[in-house]
Amino acid sequence: MEHEDFDLDLGDPAASFAVLADGETPTPMVDFRGHDGHSLALPYARLLSIDFQPVSGISLEFQDHRVKIRGRNLRRLYAALVQHRVVFVQEGDLDVVSESEPFVDRIVVGRSEPELELELDRAR
């Protein structure tokens, strides 16, 4: 049995994120990529909320995960996430990005614990 090669666009290694062009088919998932090579793709269908804070970055709440994106000039990333147009977000190298460009310094992914939150709500 032959294995098919998938045409996976890894993107510009200097880019903090990639956005689909107008008219392109929306992607079902967003891929979060760390400095160490670890990647985690999460489905837009499970995205519950996005919070943008200019100073602290972007927080995404998925059904099972919480993602925090820290960096600078991230408003365009936020707008593209809201429209489900982001293909990937990756931690970058500050030495190759100009001051005026978007830059992702850190991506932190954690598990959501809705059962714990529900228990705390009932205790009130």
C-alpha atoms as a PDB file:
ATOM      1  CA  MET A   1       0.000   0.000   0.000  1.00  0.00           C
ATOM      2  CA  GLU A   2       1.406   3.365  -1.012  1.00  0.00           C
ATOM      3  CA  HIS A   3       1.391   6.296   1.379  1.00  0.00           C
ATOM      4  CA  GLU A   4       0.161   9.571  -0.002  1.00  0.00           C
ATOM      5  CA  ASP A   5       2.201  12.676   0.763  1.00  0.00           C
ATOM      6  CA  PHE A   6       0.056  15.439   2.150  1.00  0.00           C
ATOM      7  CA  ASP A   7       0.749  18.920   0.889  1.00  0.00           C
ATOM      8  CA  LEU A   8       1.018  20.594   4.297  1.00  0.00           C
ATOM      9  CA  ASP A   9       2.044  24.230   4.075  1.00  0.00           C
ATOM     10  CA  LEU A  10       4.399  24.809   6.966  1.00  0.00           C
ATOM     11  CA  GLY A  11       4.342  28.524   6.289  1.00  0.00           C
ATOM     12  CA  ASP A  12       6.974  31.204   6.613  1.00  0.00           C
ATOM     13  CA  PRO A  13       9.225  30.333   9.568  1.00  0.00           C
ATOM     14  CA  ALA A  14       9.480  34.051  10.398  1.00  0.00           C
ATOM     15  CA  ALA A  15       5.696  34.609  10.384  1.00  0.00           C
ATOM     16  CA  SER A  16       3.835  34.597  13.688  1.00  0.00           C
ATOM     17  CA  PHE A  17       0.658  33.388  12.003  1.00  0.00           C
ATOM     18  CA  ALA A  18      -0.906  32.645   8.620  1.00  0.00           C
ATOM     19  CA  VAL A  19      -4.336  33.809   7.466  1.00  0.00           C
ATOM     20  CA  LEU A  20      -6.369  32.328   4.630  1.00  0.00           C
ATOM     21  CA  ALA A  21      -6.765  34.549   1.583  1.00  0.00           C
ATOM     22  CA  ASP A  22     -10.238  35.744   0.598  1.00  0.00           C
ATOM     23  CA  GLY A  23     -12.097  32.994  -1.211  1.00  0.00           C
ATOM     24  CA  GLU A  24     -10.041  30.144   0.269  1.00  0.00           C
ATOM     25  CA  THR A  25     -11.935  27.347   1.980  1.00  0.00           C
ATOM     26  CA  PRO A  26     -11.980  27.926   5.746  1.00  0.00           C
ATOM     27  CA  THR A  27      -9.773  25.614   7.748  1.00  0.00           C
ATOM     28  CA  PRO A  28     -11.479  23.362  10.318  1.00  0.00           C
ATOM     29  CA  MET A  29      -8.625  23.696  12.835  1.00  0.00           C
ATOM     30  CA  VAL A  30      -6.023  26.174  14.009  1.00  0.00           C
ATOM     31  CA  ASP A  31      -2.500  24.819  14.539  1.00  0.00           C
ATOM     32  CA  PHE A  32      -0.539  26.175  17.540  1.00  0.00           C
ATOM     33  CA  ARG A  33       3.238  25.686  17.135  1.00  0.00           C
ATOM     34  CA  GLY A  34       5.859  26.013  19.837  1.00  0.00           C
ATOM     35  CA  HIS A  35       9.602  26.792  19.675  1.00  0.00           C
ATOM     36  CA  ASP A  36      10.393  23.184  20.541  1.00  0.00           C
ATOM     37  CA  GLY A  37       8.568  21.770  17.503  1.00  0.00           C
ATOM     38  CA  HIS A  38       5.478  20.670  19.436  1.00  0.00           C
ATOM     39  CA  SER A  39       2.211  21.465  17.652  1.00  0.00           C
ATOM     40  CA  LEU A  40      -1.396  21.153  18.718  1.00  0.00           C
ATOM     41  CA  ALA A  41      -4.314  21.663  16.323  1.00  0.00           C
ATOM     42  CA  LEU A  42      -7.679  22.508  17.831  1.00  0.00           C
ATOM     43  CA  PRO A  43     -11.017  22.649  15.966  1.00  0.00           C
ATOM     44  CA  TYR A  44     -12.711  25.986  15.460  1.00  0.00           C
ATOM     45  CA  ALA A  45     -16.009  24.159  16.094  1.00  0.00           C
ATOM     46  CA  ARG A  46     -14.987  23.812  19.769  1.00  0.00           C
ATOM     47  CA  LEU A  47     -13.912  27.448  20.189  1.00  0.00           C
ATOM     48  CA  LEU A  48     -16.134  29.129  22.784  1.00  0.00           C
ATOM     49  CA  SER A  49     -14.596  32.587  23.224  1.00  0.00           C
ATOM     50  CA  ILE A  50     -11.667  34.828  22.345  1.00  0.00           C
ATOM     51  CA  ASP A  51     -10.441  37.639  24.586  1.00  0.00           C
ATOM     52  CA  PHE A  52      -7.998  40.262  23.289  1.00  0.00           C
ATOM     53  CA  GLN A  53      -6.076  42.420  25.752  1.00  0.00           C
ATOM     54  CA  PRO A  54      -3.506  44.702  24.058  1.00  0.00           C
ATOM     55  CA  VAL A  55      -1.070  44.382  26.969  1.00  0.00           C
ATOM     56  CA  SER A  56      -1.403  40.697  27.873  1.00  0.00           C
ATOM     57  CA  GLY A  57      -2.325  39.129  24.515  1.00  0.00           C
ATOM     58  CA  ILE A  58      -5.081  36.801  23.340  1.00  0.00           C
ATOM     59  CA  SER A  59      -6.899  34.115  25.355  1.00  0.00           C
ATOM     60  CA  LEU A  60      -8.903  31.432  23.572  1.00  0.00           C
ATOM     61  CA  GLU A  61     -11.336  29.185  25.398  1.00  0.00           C
ATOM     62  CA  PHE A  62     -12.060  25.865  23.706  1.00  0.00           C
ATOM     63  CA  GLN A  63     -14.322  23.179  25.163  1.00  0.00           C
ATOM     64  CA  ASP A  64     -11.335  21.171  26.418  1.00  0.00           C
ATOM     65  CA  HIS A  65      -8.399  23.604  26.234  1.00  0.00           C
ATOM     66  CA  ARG A  66      -7.355  27.120  27.112  1.00  0.00           C
ATOM     67  CA  VAL A  67      -4.782  28.822  24.898  1.00  0.00           C
ATOM     68  CA  LYS A  68      -2.926  32.016  25.784  1.00  0.00           C
ATOM     69  CA  ILE A  69      -0.973  33.828  23.079  1.00  0.00           C
ATOM     70  CA  ARG A  70       1.486  36.453  24.262  1.00  0.00           C
ATOM     71  CA  GLY A  71       3.260  38.917  22.009  1.00  0.00           C
ATOM     72  CA  ARG A  72       2.869  42.317  20.406  1.00  0.00           C
ATOM     73  CA  ASN A  73       0.787  43.859  17.608  1.00  0.00           C
ATOM     74  CA  LEU A  74      -1.720  41.006  17.830  1.00  0.00           C
ATOM     75  CA  ARG A  75      -4.943  42.846  16.894  1.00  0.00           C
ATOM     76  CA  ARG A  76      -4.859  41.499  13.303  1.00  0.00           C
ATOM     77  CA  LEU A  77      -4.380  37.965  14.652  1.00  0.00           C
ATOM     78  CA  TYR A  78      -7.388  38.459  16.932  1.00  0.00           C
ATOM     79  CA  ALA A  79      -9.549  39.700  14.037  1.00  0.00           C
ATOM     80  CA  ALA A  80      -8.564  36.713  11.878  1.00  0.00           C
ATOM     81  CA  LEU A  81      -9.241  34.254  14.724  1.00  0.00           C
ATOM     82  CA  VAL A  82     -12.714  35.725  15.190  1.00  0.00           C
ATOM     83  CA  GLN A  83     -13.386  34.986  11.511  1.00  0.00           C
ATOM     84  CA  HIS A  84     -11.871  31.442  11.739  1.00  0.00           C
ATOM     85  CA  ARG A  85      -9.301  32.368   9.071  1.00  0.00           C
ATOM     86  CA  VAL A  86      -6.057  31.549  10.935  1.00  0.00           C
ATOM     87  CA  VAL A  87      -4.257  28.417   9.727  1.00  0.00           C
ATOM     88  CA  PHE A  88      -1.450  28.458  12.290  1.00  0.00           C
ATOM     89  CA  VAL A  89       0.007  30.535  15.122  1.00  0.00           C
ATOM     90  CA  GLN A  90       3.649  29.991  16.020  1.00  0.00           C
ATOM     91  CA  GLU A  91       6.162  31.221  18.538  1.00  0.00           C
ATOM     92  CA  GLY A  92       8.702  33.340  16.723  1.00  0.00           C
ATOM     93  CA  ASP A  93      12.243  34.580  16.838  1.00  0.00           C
ATOM     94  CA  LEU A  94      12.413  38.239  17.850  1.00  0.00           C
ATOM     95  CA  ASP A  95      15.618  38.733  15.816  1.00  0.00           C
ATOM     96  CA  VAL A  96      13.841  38.218  12.469  1.00  0.00           C
ATOM     97  CA  VAL A  97      10.702  40.322  13.079  1.00  0.00           C
ATOM     98  CA  SER A  98      10.557  44.099  12.774  1.00  0.00           C
ATOM     99  CA  GLU A  99       9.129  46.170  15.637  1.00  0.00           C
ATOM    100  CA  SER A 100       5.975  47.056  13.697  1.00  0.00           C
ATOM    101  CA  GLU A 101       5.096  43.458  12.678  1.00  0.00           C
ATOM    102  CA  PRO A 102       2.959  41.080  14.741  1.00  0.00           C
ATOM    103  CA  PHE A 103       5.071  38.865  16.952  1.00  0.00           C
ATOM    104  CA  VAL A 104       4.120  35.826  19.051  1.00  0.00           C
ATOM    105  CA  ASP A 105       6.526  35.324  21.912  1.00  0.00           C
ATOM    106  CA  ARG A 106       4.779  32.530  23.811  1.00  0.00           C
ATOM    107  CA  ILE A 107       1.859  30.145  23.410  1.00  0.00           C
ATOM    108  CA  VAL A 108       0.589  28.421  26.551  1.00  0.00           C
ATOM    109  CA  VAL A 109      -1.920  25.580  26.205  1.00  0.00           C
ATOM    110  CA  GLY A 110      -3.724  24.065  29.164  1.00  0.00           C
ATOM    111  CA  ARG A 111      -6.636  21.746  29.716  1.00  0.00           C
ATOM    112  CA  SER A 112      -9.997  23.213  30.685  1.00  0.00           C
ATOM    113  CA  GLU A 113     -11.680  21.678  33.684  1.00  0.00           C
ATOM    114  CA  PRO A 114     -15.389  22.395  33.278  1.00  0.00           C
ATOM    115  CA  GLU A 115     -16.380  19.804  35.911  1.00  0.00           C
ATOM    116  CA  LEU A 116     -14.397  21.713  38.542  1.00  0.00           C
ATOM    117  CA  GLU A 117     -15.949  25.021  37.471  1.00  0.00           C
ATOM    118  CA  LEU A 118     -19.438  23.520  37.705  1.00  0.00           C
ATOM    119  CA  GLU A 119     -18.723  22.225  41.199  1.00  0.00           C
ATOM    120  CA  LEU A 120     -17.536  25.653  42.319  1.00  0.00           C
ATOM    121  CA  ASP A 121     -20.660  27.295  40.865  1.00  0.00           C
ATOM    122  CA  ARG A 122     -22.936  24.898  42.781  1.00  0.00           C
ATOM    123  CA  ALA A 123     -21.160  25.675  46.067  1.00  0.00           C
ATOM    124  CA  ARG A 124     -22.258  29.337  45.947  1.00  0.00           C
END
